[in-house]
Amino acid sequence: MAGENSFDIVSKVDLQEVRNAIEQAVKEVRTRFDLKDSHSEVHLEGDQTIQLASADEYKLEAVNEILRQKLVKRGISLKALTYGKVEPAAGSTVRQKISLQQGIPTEKAKEIVRIIKDSKKKAQASIQGDTVRVSSKDRDTLQEIIALLKSKDLGIDMQFTNYRSN
């Protein structure tokens, strides 16, 4: 067995699950007594940004907490969210934008490659766009690398996909 085995490290968010979580959050916001008449909103802008809006920062935080609970229930990692600052909006309301992380940023990809190289395992890691491909002759080495990366907190949500054995 001299073939190469490989897998890809990706960071993707299932947008359909995000939409479902937002719909559930909107339903709960509309029915909660403490958020009545707060003009609270949650909606997806494009495929990258969630917009939150509410009457004040306290209510905005409550809406944010509801959204986080719904995302976790739907299997979306909170590491995939990047929070913008709370900014004032029209009519003395506040809003906040949350960016969804799609793909691994270059600096995180370099950090992943460095961790794999520093582990002294017989594997090669290469950055390919917004994914990192790891290849090795030994499947067990790849499993060890997956375990190593899962044990590190890199601040991003990672999935291990496209596992191939040649």
N, C-alpha and C. Protein backbone atom coordinates (compact mmCIF):
# COMPACT_ATOMS: atom_id res chain seq x y z
N MET A 1 0.83 -1.20 0.00
CA MET A 1 0.00 0.00 0.00
C MET A 1 0.86 1.25 0.00
N ALA A 2 1.29 1.66 -1.15
CA ALA A 2 2.12 2.85 -1.24
C ALA A 2 1.31 4.06 -1.68
N GLY A 3 -0.02 3.95 -1.66
CA GLY A 3 -0.86 5.05 -2.14
C GLY A 3 -0.92 6.20 -1.15
N GLU A 4 -1.34 7.34 -1.66
CA GLU A 4 -1.50 8.52 -0.82
C GLU A 4 -2.92 8.57 -0.27
N ASN A 5 -3.03 8.89 1.00
CA ASN A 5 -4.33 9.14 1.62
C ASN A 5 -4.40 10.63 1.91
N SER A 6 -5.59 11.21 1.82
CA SER A 6 -5.69 12.64 2.09
C SER A 6 -7.08 12.99 2.60
N PHE A 7 -7.16 14.16 3.22
CA PHE A 7 -8.45 14.74 3.59
C PHE A 7 -8.33 16.25 3.53
N ASP A 8 -9.47 16.93 3.50
CA ASP A 8 -9.50 18.40 3.46
C ASP A 8 -10.02 18.93 4.78
N ILE A 9 -9.44 20.04 5.22
CA ILE A 9 -9.95 20.76 6.38
C ILE A 9 -10.68 21.97 5.82
N VAL A 10 -11.96 22.09 6.13
CA VAL A 10 -12.77 23.20 5.63
C VAL A 10 -13.49 23.87 6.79
N SER A 11 -14.01 25.04 6.52
CA SER A 11 -14.84 25.76 7.49
C SER A 11 -16.05 26.28 6.73
N LYS A 12 -17.13 25.54 6.79
CA LYS A 12 -18.34 25.91 6.05
C LYS A 12 -19.53 25.93 7.00
N VAL A 13 -20.49 26.76 6.67
CA VAL A 13 -21.73 26.86 7.44
C VAL A 13 -22.88 26.46 6.52
N ASP A 14 -23.77 25.60 7.02
CA ASP A 14 -24.95 25.19 6.24
C ASP A 14 -25.97 26.33 6.29
N LEU A 15 -26.09 27.05 5.17
CA LEU A 15 -26.95 28.24 5.14
C LEU A 15 -28.42 27.91 5.35
N GLN A 16 -28.86 26.72 4.93
CA GLN A 16 -30.26 26.35 5.15
C GLN A 16 -30.53 26.21 6.64
N GLU A 17 -29.60 25.63 7.38
CA GLU A 17 -29.77 25.50 8.83
C GLU A 17 -29.75 26.88 9.49
N VAL A 18 -28.92 27.80 8.97
CA VAL A 18 -28.89 29.17 9.50
C VAL A 18 -30.25 29.84 9.27
N ARG A 19 -30.80 29.68 8.07
CA ARG A 19 -32.12 30.26 7.77
C ARG A 19 -33.19 29.69 8.71
N ASN A 20 -33.15 28.37 8.92
CA ASN A 20 -34.12 27.74 9.82
C ASN A 20 -33.98 28.28 11.25
N ALA A 21 -32.75 28.43 11.71
CA ALA A 21 -32.51 28.95 13.06
C ALA A 21 -33.02 30.38 13.18
N ILE A 22 -32.81 31.20 12.13
CA ILE A 22 -33.28 32.58 12.15
C ILE A 22 -34.81 32.61 12.20
N GLU A 23 -35.46 31.76 11.41
CA GLU A 23 -36.93 31.71 11.44
C GLU A 23 -37.44 31.33 12.82
N GLN A 24 -36.80 30.35 13.45
CA GLN A 24 -37.21 29.94 14.80
C GLN A 24 -36.98 31.07 15.80
N ALA A 25 -35.85 31.77 15.66
CA ALA A 25 -35.54 32.88 16.56
C ALA A 25 -36.58 34.00 16.41
N VAL A 26 -36.96 34.31 15.17
CA VAL A 26 -37.96 35.36 14.92
C VAL A 26 -39.28 34.97 15.57
N LYS A 27 -39.69 33.70 15.43
CA LYS A 27 -40.93 33.24 16.07
C LYS A 27 -40.88 33.43 17.57
N GLU A 28 -39.75 33.05 18.18
CA GLU A 28 -39.65 33.18 19.64
C GLU A 28 -39.62 34.64 20.07
N VAL A 29 -38.93 35.49 19.32
CA VAL A 29 -38.87 36.92 19.65
C VAL A 29 -40.28 37.52 19.62
N ARG A 30 -41.08 37.13 18.64
CA ARG A 30 -42.44 37.67 18.52
C ARG A 30 -43.35 37.22 19.66
N THR A 31 -43.08 36.04 20.23
CA THR A 31 -43.97 35.52 21.27
C THR A 31 -43.49 35.84 22.68
N ARG A 32 -42.24 36.27 22.85
CA ARG A 32 -41.75 36.54 24.20
C ARG A 32 -42.30 37.86 24.74
N PHE A 33 -42.78 37.81 25.98
CA PHE A 33 -43.40 38.97 26.60
C PHE A 33 -42.41 40.12 26.78
N ASP A 34 -41.19 39.81 27.23
CA ASP A 34 -40.21 40.88 27.49
C ASP A 34 -39.71 41.56 26.22
N LEU A 35 -39.98 40.98 25.05
CA LEU A 35 -39.53 41.58 23.80
C LEU A 35 -40.68 42.17 22.98
N LYS A 36 -41.89 42.17 23.55
CA LYS A 36 -43.03 42.78 22.84
C LYS A 36 -42.79 44.28 22.68
N ASP A 37 -43.19 44.82 21.57
CA ASP A 37 -43.04 46.25 21.26
C ASP A 37 -41.59 46.72 21.29
N SER A 38 -40.65 45.82 21.12
CA SER A 38 -39.23 46.23 21.12
C SER A 38 -38.72 46.40 19.69
N HIS A 39 -39.58 46.12 18.71
CA HIS A 39 -39.21 46.23 17.29
C HIS A 39 -37.94 45.42 17.01
N SER A 40 -37.84 44.24 17.61
CA SER A 40 -36.67 43.39 17.42
C SER A 40 -36.78 42.62 16.12
N GLU A 41 -35.65 42.54 15.41
CA GLU A 41 -35.62 41.85 14.13
C GLU A 41 -34.36 41.00 14.03
N VAL A 42 -34.47 39.91 13.30
CA VAL A 42 -33.33 39.09 12.93
C VAL A 42 -33.53 38.70 11.48
N HIS A 43 -32.57 39.01 10.61
CA HIS A 43 -32.69 38.54 9.24
C HIS A 43 -31.32 38.36 8.60
N LEU A 44 -31.31 37.52 7.57
CA LEU A 44 -30.09 37.18 6.84
C LEU A 44 -29.95 38.13 5.66
N GLU A 45 -28.78 38.75 5.55
CA GLU A 45 -28.49 39.63 4.42
C GLU A 45 -27.51 38.90 3.50
N GLY A 46 -27.94 38.57 2.32
CA GLY A 46 -27.08 37.81 1.41
C GLY A 46 -26.80 36.44 1.99
N ASP A 47 -25.57 35.96 1.83
CA ASP A 47 -25.20 34.67 2.39
C ASP A 47 -24.14 34.79 3.47
N GLN A 48 -23.77 36.00 3.83
CA GLN A 48 -22.64 36.18 4.74
C GLN A 48 -22.96 36.90 6.04
N THR A 49 -24.09 37.59 6.13
CA THR A 49 -24.32 38.47 7.28
C THR A 49 -25.71 38.28 7.87
N ILE A 50 -25.75 38.23 9.19
CA ILE A 50 -27.02 38.23 9.92
C ILE A 50 -27.15 39.61 10.55
N GLN A 51 -28.31 40.24 10.40
CA GLN A 51 -28.55 41.57 10.97
C GLN A 51 -29.51 41.44 12.14
N LEU A 52 -29.11 41.96 13.31
CA LEU A 52 -29.97 42.01 14.49
C LEU A 52 -30.34 43.47 14.73
N ALA A 53 -31.57 43.71 15.15
CA ALA A 53 -31.99 45.06 15.49
C ALA A 53 -32.96 44.98 16.66
N SER A 54 -32.90 45.98 17.56
CA SER A 54 -33.82 46.00 18.69
C SER A 54 -33.87 47.41 19.28
N ALA A 55 -34.75 47.59 20.29
CA ALA A 55 -34.99 48.91 20.86
C ALA A 55 -33.79 49.42 21.66
N ASP A 56 -33.10 48.54 22.40
CA ASP A 56 -31.93 48.96 23.17
C ASP A 56 -30.94 47.80 23.27
N GLU A 57 -29.78 48.06 23.86
CA GLU A 57 -28.73 47.04 23.91
C GLU A 57 -29.13 45.83 24.74
N TYR A 58 -29.89 46.05 25.80
CA TYR A 58 -30.34 44.93 26.64
C TYR A 58 -31.22 43.97 25.83
N LYS A 59 -32.17 44.53 25.11
CA LYS A 59 -33.07 43.69 24.30
C LYS A 59 -32.32 43.07 23.12
N LEU A 60 -31.35 43.79 22.58
CA LEU A 60 -30.53 43.25 21.50
C LEU A 60 -29.76 42.02 21.98
N GLU A 61 -29.23 42.10 23.19
CA GLU A 61 -28.51 40.97 23.76
C GLU A 61 -29.44 39.78 23.98
N ALA A 62 -30.68 40.03 24.38
CA ALA A 62 -31.67 38.95 24.56
C ALA A 62 -31.96 38.29 23.21
N VAL A 63 -32.12 39.09 22.16
CA VAL A 63 -32.37 38.56 20.82
C VAL A 63 -31.16 37.74 20.36
N ASN A 64 -29.96 38.25 20.62
CA ASN A 64 -28.73 37.56 20.26
C ASN A 64 -28.65 36.21 20.96
N GLU A 65 -29.01 36.15 22.23
CA GLU A 65 -28.99 34.91 23.00
C GLU A 65 -29.98 33.89 22.41
N ILE A 66 -31.16 34.35 22.03
CA ILE A 66 -32.16 33.46 21.40
C ILE A 66 -31.58 32.90 20.11
N LEU A 67 -30.97 33.76 19.29
CA LEU A 67 -30.39 33.32 18.02
C LEU A 67 -29.29 32.29 18.26
N ARG A 68 -28.41 32.54 19.23
CA ARG A 68 -27.33 31.59 19.53
C ARG A 68 -27.89 30.23 19.93
N GLN A 69 -28.93 30.23 20.77
CA GLN A 69 -29.54 28.95 21.18
C GLN A 69 -30.08 28.19 19.98
N LYS A 70 -30.76 28.90 19.08
CA LYS A 70 -31.35 28.25 17.91
C LYS A 70 -30.26 27.72 16.98
N LEU A 71 -29.16 28.48 16.82
CA LEU A 71 -28.06 28.02 15.96
C LEU A 71 -27.41 26.76 16.52
N VAL A 72 -27.20 26.73 17.84
CA VAL A 72 -26.59 25.55 18.46
C VAL A 72 -27.50 24.33 18.31
N LYS A 73 -28.80 24.53 18.51
CA LYS A 73 -29.74 23.41 18.33
C LYS A 73 -29.72 22.86 16.91
N ARG A 74 -29.41 23.73 15.94
CA ARG A 74 -29.38 23.32 14.54
C ARG A 74 -28.00 22.81 14.12
N GLY A 75 -27.06 22.75 15.05
CA GLY A 75 -25.73 22.20 14.75
C GLY A 75 -24.77 23.19 14.11
N ILE A 76 -25.03 24.48 14.25
CA ILE A 76 -24.12 25.50 13.72
C ILE A 76 -23.21 25.93 14.87
N SER A 77 -21.90 25.82 14.65
CA SER A 77 -20.95 26.19 15.69
C SER A 77 -20.92 27.72 15.85
N LEU A 78 -20.87 28.18 17.09
CA LEU A 78 -20.81 29.62 17.34
C LEU A 78 -19.45 30.20 16.95
N LYS A 79 -18.45 29.33 16.73
CA LYS A 79 -17.14 29.80 16.27
C LYS A 79 -17.23 30.34 14.84
N ALA A 80 -18.29 29.99 14.14
CA ALA A 80 -18.45 30.44 12.75
C ALA A 80 -19.01 31.86 12.68
N LEU A 81 -19.30 32.47 13.84
CA LEU A 81 -19.87 33.81 13.87
C LEU A 81 -18.82 34.83 14.27
N THR A 82 -18.80 35.96 13.57
CA THR A 82 -17.93 37.08 13.92
C THR A 82 -18.83 38.28 14.18
N TYR A 83 -18.82 38.78 15.40
CA TYR A 83 -19.73 39.85 15.80
C TYR A 83 -19.14 41.21 15.48
N GLY A 84 -19.98 42.05 14.86
CA GLY A 84 -19.62 43.45 14.64
C GLY A 84 -19.99 44.24 15.89
N LYS A 85 -19.66 45.52 15.90
CA LYS A 85 -20.00 46.30 17.09
C LYS A 85 -21.46 46.75 17.04
N VAL A 86 -22.00 46.98 18.22
CA VAL A 86 -23.38 47.47 18.33
C VAL A 86 -23.38 48.93 17.92
N GLU A 87 -24.24 49.28 16.97
CA GLU A 87 -24.26 50.66 16.48
C GLU A 87 -25.67 51.23 16.57
N PRO A 88 -25.78 52.54 16.80
CA PRO A 88 -27.11 53.15 16.87
C PRO A 88 -27.75 53.17 15.49
N ALA A 89 -29.08 53.05 15.48
CA ALA A 89 -29.83 53.07 14.22
C ALA A 89 -30.94 54.11 14.35
N ALA A 90 -31.77 54.19 13.33
CA ALA A 90 -32.84 55.20 13.30
C ALA A 90 -33.83 54.99 14.44
N GLY A 91 -34.39 56.08 14.92
CA GLY A 91 -35.44 56.01 15.93
C GLY A 91 -34.97 55.47 17.27
N SER A 92 -33.77 55.82 17.69
CA SER A 92 -33.16 55.42 18.97
C SER A 92 -33.13 53.89 19.16
N THR A 93 -32.98 53.16 18.07
CA THR A 93 -32.81 51.72 18.15
C THR A 93 -31.32 51.39 17.96
N VAL A 94 -30.97 50.13 18.18
CA VAL A 94 -29.59 49.69 17.96
C VAL A 94 -29.61 48.47 17.03
N ARG A 95 -28.48 48.27 16.36
CA ARG A 95 -28.37 47.09 15.50
C ARG A 95 -26.95 46.55 15.58
N GLN A 96 -26.84 45.29 15.16
CA GLN A 96 -25.55 44.62 15.17
C GLN A 96 -25.49 43.66 13.99
N LYS A 97 -24.34 43.62 13.34
CA LYS A 97 -24.15 42.68 12.23
C LYS A 97 -23.28 41.53 12.70
N ILE A 98 -23.64 40.33 12.26
CA ILE A 98 -22.88 39.13 12.57
C ILE A 98 -22.46 38.50 11.25
N SER A 99 -21.16 38.34 11.04
CA SER A 99 -20.66 37.74 9.80
C SER A 99 -20.54 36.24 9.98
N LEU A 100 -20.89 35.51 8.93
CA LEU A 100 -20.73 34.05 8.92
C LEU A 100 -19.39 33.70 8.29
N GLN A 101 -18.64 32.86 8.95
CA GLN A 101 -17.32 32.44 8.47
C GLN A 101 -17.48 31.33 7.44
N GLN A 102 -17.15 31.62 6.20
CA GLN A 102 -17.17 30.62 5.13
C GLN A 102 -15.74 30.49 4.62
N GLY A 103 -15.14 29.33 4.77
CA GLY A 103 -13.76 29.12 4.34
C GLY A 103 -12.79 29.47 5.46
N ILE A 104 -11.59 28.95 5.35
CA ILE A 104 -10.57 29.20 6.37
C ILE A 104 -9.76 30.42 5.94
N PRO A 105 -9.66 31.44 6.82
CA PRO A 105 -8.83 32.61 6.48
C PRO A 105 -7.36 32.20 6.31
N THR A 106 -6.62 32.95 5.50
CA THR A 106 -5.24 32.61 5.16
C THR A 106 -4.36 32.46 6.40
N GLU A 107 -4.49 33.39 7.36
CA GLU A 107 -3.62 33.30 8.54
C GLU A 107 -3.92 32.07 9.38
N LYS A 108 -5.20 31.65 9.45
CA LYS A 108 -5.56 30.43 10.17
C LYS A 108 -5.06 29.20 9.42
N ALA A 109 -5.13 29.24 8.09
CA ALA A 109 -4.64 28.12 7.28
C ALA A 109 -3.14 27.94 7.50
N LYS A 110 -2.39 29.05 7.54
CA LYS A 110 -0.95 28.98 7.79
C LYS A 110 -0.67 28.41 9.18
N GLU A 111 -1.51 28.79 10.15
CA GLU A 111 -1.35 28.27 11.51
C GLU A 111 -1.60 26.76 11.55
N ILE A 112 -2.60 26.29 10.81
CA ILE A 112 -2.90 24.85 10.75
C ILE A 112 -1.71 24.10 10.13
N VAL A 113 -1.16 24.63 9.03
CA VAL A 113 -0.02 24.00 8.37
C VAL A 113 1.17 23.95 9.33
N ARG A 114 1.39 25.04 10.08
CA ARG A 114 2.51 25.09 11.03
C ARG A 114 2.33 24.05 12.14
N ILE A 115 1.11 23.91 12.65
CA ILE A 115 0.84 22.93 13.71
C ILE A 115 1.14 21.51 13.20
N ILE A 116 0.74 21.23 11.95
CA ILE A 116 0.99 19.90 11.38
C ILE A 116 2.48 19.66 11.20
N LYS A 117 3.21 20.68 10.71
CA LYS A 117 4.66 20.54 10.53
C LYS A 117 5.36 20.37 11.88
N ASP A 118 4.95 21.14 12.89
CA ASP A 118 5.57 21.07 14.21
C ASP A 118 5.30 19.74 14.91
N SER A 119 4.26 19.02 14.48
CA SER A 119 3.93 17.76 15.14
C SER A 119 4.91 16.65 14.77
N LYS A 120 5.75 16.89 13.76
CA LYS A 120 6.76 15.93 13.30
C LYS A 120 6.15 14.64 12.76
N LYS A 121 4.89 14.69 12.38
CA LYS A 121 4.24 13.52 11.79
C LYS A 121 4.56 13.51 10.30
N LYS A 122 4.56 12.32 9.72
CA LYS A 122 4.89 12.19 8.30
C LYS A 122 3.66 12.49 7.46
N ALA A 123 3.39 13.78 7.30
CA ALA A 123 2.24 14.23 6.52
C ALA A 123 2.58 15.58 5.91
N GLN A 124 1.95 15.85 4.76
CA GLN A 124 2.14 17.13 4.09
C GLN A 124 0.83 17.89 4.13
N ALA A 125 0.92 19.18 4.42
CA ALA A 125 -0.27 20.04 4.43
C ALA A 125 -0.07 21.13 3.40
N SER A 126 -1.10 21.39 2.61
CA SER A 126 -1.00 22.46 1.61
C SER A 126 -2.28 23.28 1.63
N ILE A 127 -2.11 24.59 1.46
CA ILE A 127 -3.25 25.50 1.44
C ILE A 127 -3.77 25.55 0.00
N GLN A 128 -5.07 25.28 -0.15
CA GLN A 128 -5.69 25.33 -1.48
C GLN A 128 -6.92 26.22 -1.40
N GLY A 129 -6.71 27.50 -1.68
CA GLY A 129 -7.81 28.46 -1.58
C GLY A 129 -8.21 28.64 -0.13
N ASP A 130 -9.48 28.32 0.19
CA ASP A 130 -9.94 28.48 1.57
C ASP A 130 -10.05 27.13 2.28
N THR A 131 -9.31 26.11 1.78
CA THR A 131 -9.23 24.81 2.44
C THR A 131 -7.77 24.43 2.64
N VAL A 132 -7.54 23.47 3.52
CA VAL A 132 -6.20 22.93 3.73
C VAL A 132 -6.27 21.44 3.44
N ARG A 133 -5.43 20.95 2.54
CA ARG A 133 -5.39 19.52 2.23
C ARG A 133 -4.21 18.90 2.95
N VAL A 134 -4.48 17.79 3.63
CA VAL A 134 -3.44 17.07 4.35
C VAL A 134 -3.33 15.70 3.71
N SER A 135 -2.10 15.28 3.37
CA SER A 135 -1.92 13.97 2.76
C SER A 135 -0.78 13.23 3.44
N SER A 136 -0.89 11.91 3.43
CA SER A 136 0.12 11.05 4.05
C SER A 136 -0.03 9.66 3.47
N LYS A 137 1.01 8.86 3.58
CA LYS A 137 0.92 7.47 3.14
C LYS A 137 0.16 6.63 4.17
N ASP A 138 0.20 7.04 5.42
CA ASP A 138 -0.37 6.25 6.51
C ASP A 138 -1.70 6.84 6.97
N ARG A 139 -2.76 6.04 6.96
CA ARG A 139 -4.07 6.51 7.41
C ARG A 139 -4.07 6.87 8.89
N ASP A 140 -3.35 6.10 9.67
CA ASP A 140 -3.30 6.36 11.12
C ASP A 140 -2.71 7.74 11.41
N THR A 141 -1.72 8.14 10.61
CA THR A 141 -1.13 9.47 10.77
C THR A 141 -2.19 10.55 10.54
N LEU A 142 -3.03 10.34 9.53
CA LEU A 142 -4.09 11.32 9.25
C LEU A 142 -5.08 11.38 10.42
N GLN A 143 -5.40 10.22 11.00
CA GLN A 143 -6.30 10.20 12.16
C GLN A 143 -5.68 10.94 13.34
N GLU A 144 -4.37 10.76 13.53
CA GLU A 144 -3.68 11.46 14.62
C GLU A 144 -3.70 12.97 14.40
N ILE A 145 -3.55 13.40 13.15
CA ILE A 145 -3.57 14.83 12.83
C ILE A 145 -4.96 15.42 13.10
N ILE A 146 -6.01 14.67 12.71
CA ILE A 146 -7.37 15.14 13.00
C ILE A 146 -7.56 15.30 14.51
N ALA A 147 -7.11 14.32 15.29
CA ALA A 147 -7.23 14.40 16.75
C ALA A 147 -6.43 15.58 17.30
N LEU A 148 -5.24 15.80 16.75
CA LEU A 148 -4.39 16.92 17.18
C LEU A 148 -5.08 18.26 16.92
N LEU A 149 -5.64 18.42 15.72
CA LEU A 149 -6.30 19.68 15.36
C LEU A 149 -7.58 19.89 16.17
N LYS A 150 -8.30 18.82 16.47
CA LYS A 150 -9.51 18.95 17.29
C LYS A 150 -9.17 19.39 18.70
N SER A 151 -7.98 18.98 19.19
CA SER A 151 -7.59 19.34 20.56
C SER A 151 -7.15 20.81 20.67
N LYS A 152 -6.76 21.41 19.54
CA LYS A 152 -6.34 22.82 19.54
C LYS A 152 -7.56 23.72 19.34
N ASP A 153 -7.57 24.86 20.03
CA ASP A 153 -8.64 25.83 19.81
C ASP A 153 -8.11 26.92 18.89
N LEU A 154 -8.46 26.85 17.63
CA LEU A 154 -7.98 27.82 16.65
C LEU A 154 -8.96 28.97 16.44
N GLY A 155 -10.09 28.92 17.12
CA GLY A 155 -11.06 30.00 17.01
C GLY A 155 -11.93 29.94 15.77
N ILE A 156 -11.82 28.86 15.00
CA ILE A 156 -12.69 28.68 13.84
C ILE A 156 -13.34 27.31 13.91
N ASP A 157 -14.44 27.17 13.23
CA ASP A 157 -15.14 25.90 13.15
C ASP A 157 -14.52 25.10 12.01
N MET A 158 -13.99 23.91 12.32
CA MET A 158 -13.34 23.11 11.29
C MET A 158 -14.13 21.82 11.05
N GLN A 159 -14.25 21.45 9.78
CA GLN A 159 -14.79 20.14 9.43
C GLN A 159 -13.72 19.41 8.61
N PHE A 160 -13.70 18.10 8.77
CA PHE A 160 -12.74 17.28 8.05
C PHE A 160 -13.50 16.48 7.00
N THR A 161 -13.27 16.81 5.73
CA THR A 161 -14.07 16.23 4.65
C THR A 161 -13.19 15.62 3.57
N ASN A 162 -13.84 15.04 2.57
CA ASN A 162 -13.17 14.57 1.36
C ASN A 162 -12.07 13.58 1.66
N TYR A 163 -12.32 12.65 2.59
CA TYR A 163 -11.32 11.67 2.97
C TYR A 163 -11.12 10.70 1.82
N ARG A 164 -9.89 10.58 1.33
CA ARG A 164 -9.62 9.73 0.17
C ARG A 164 -8.49 8.77 0.46
N SER A 165 -8.65 7.56 -0.02
CA SER A 165 -7.59 6.56 0.04
C SER A 165 -7.32 6.08 -1.38
N ASN A 166 -6.08 6.16 -1.80
CA ASN A 166 -5.74 5.72 -3.17
C ASN A 166 -5.00 4.41 -3.12
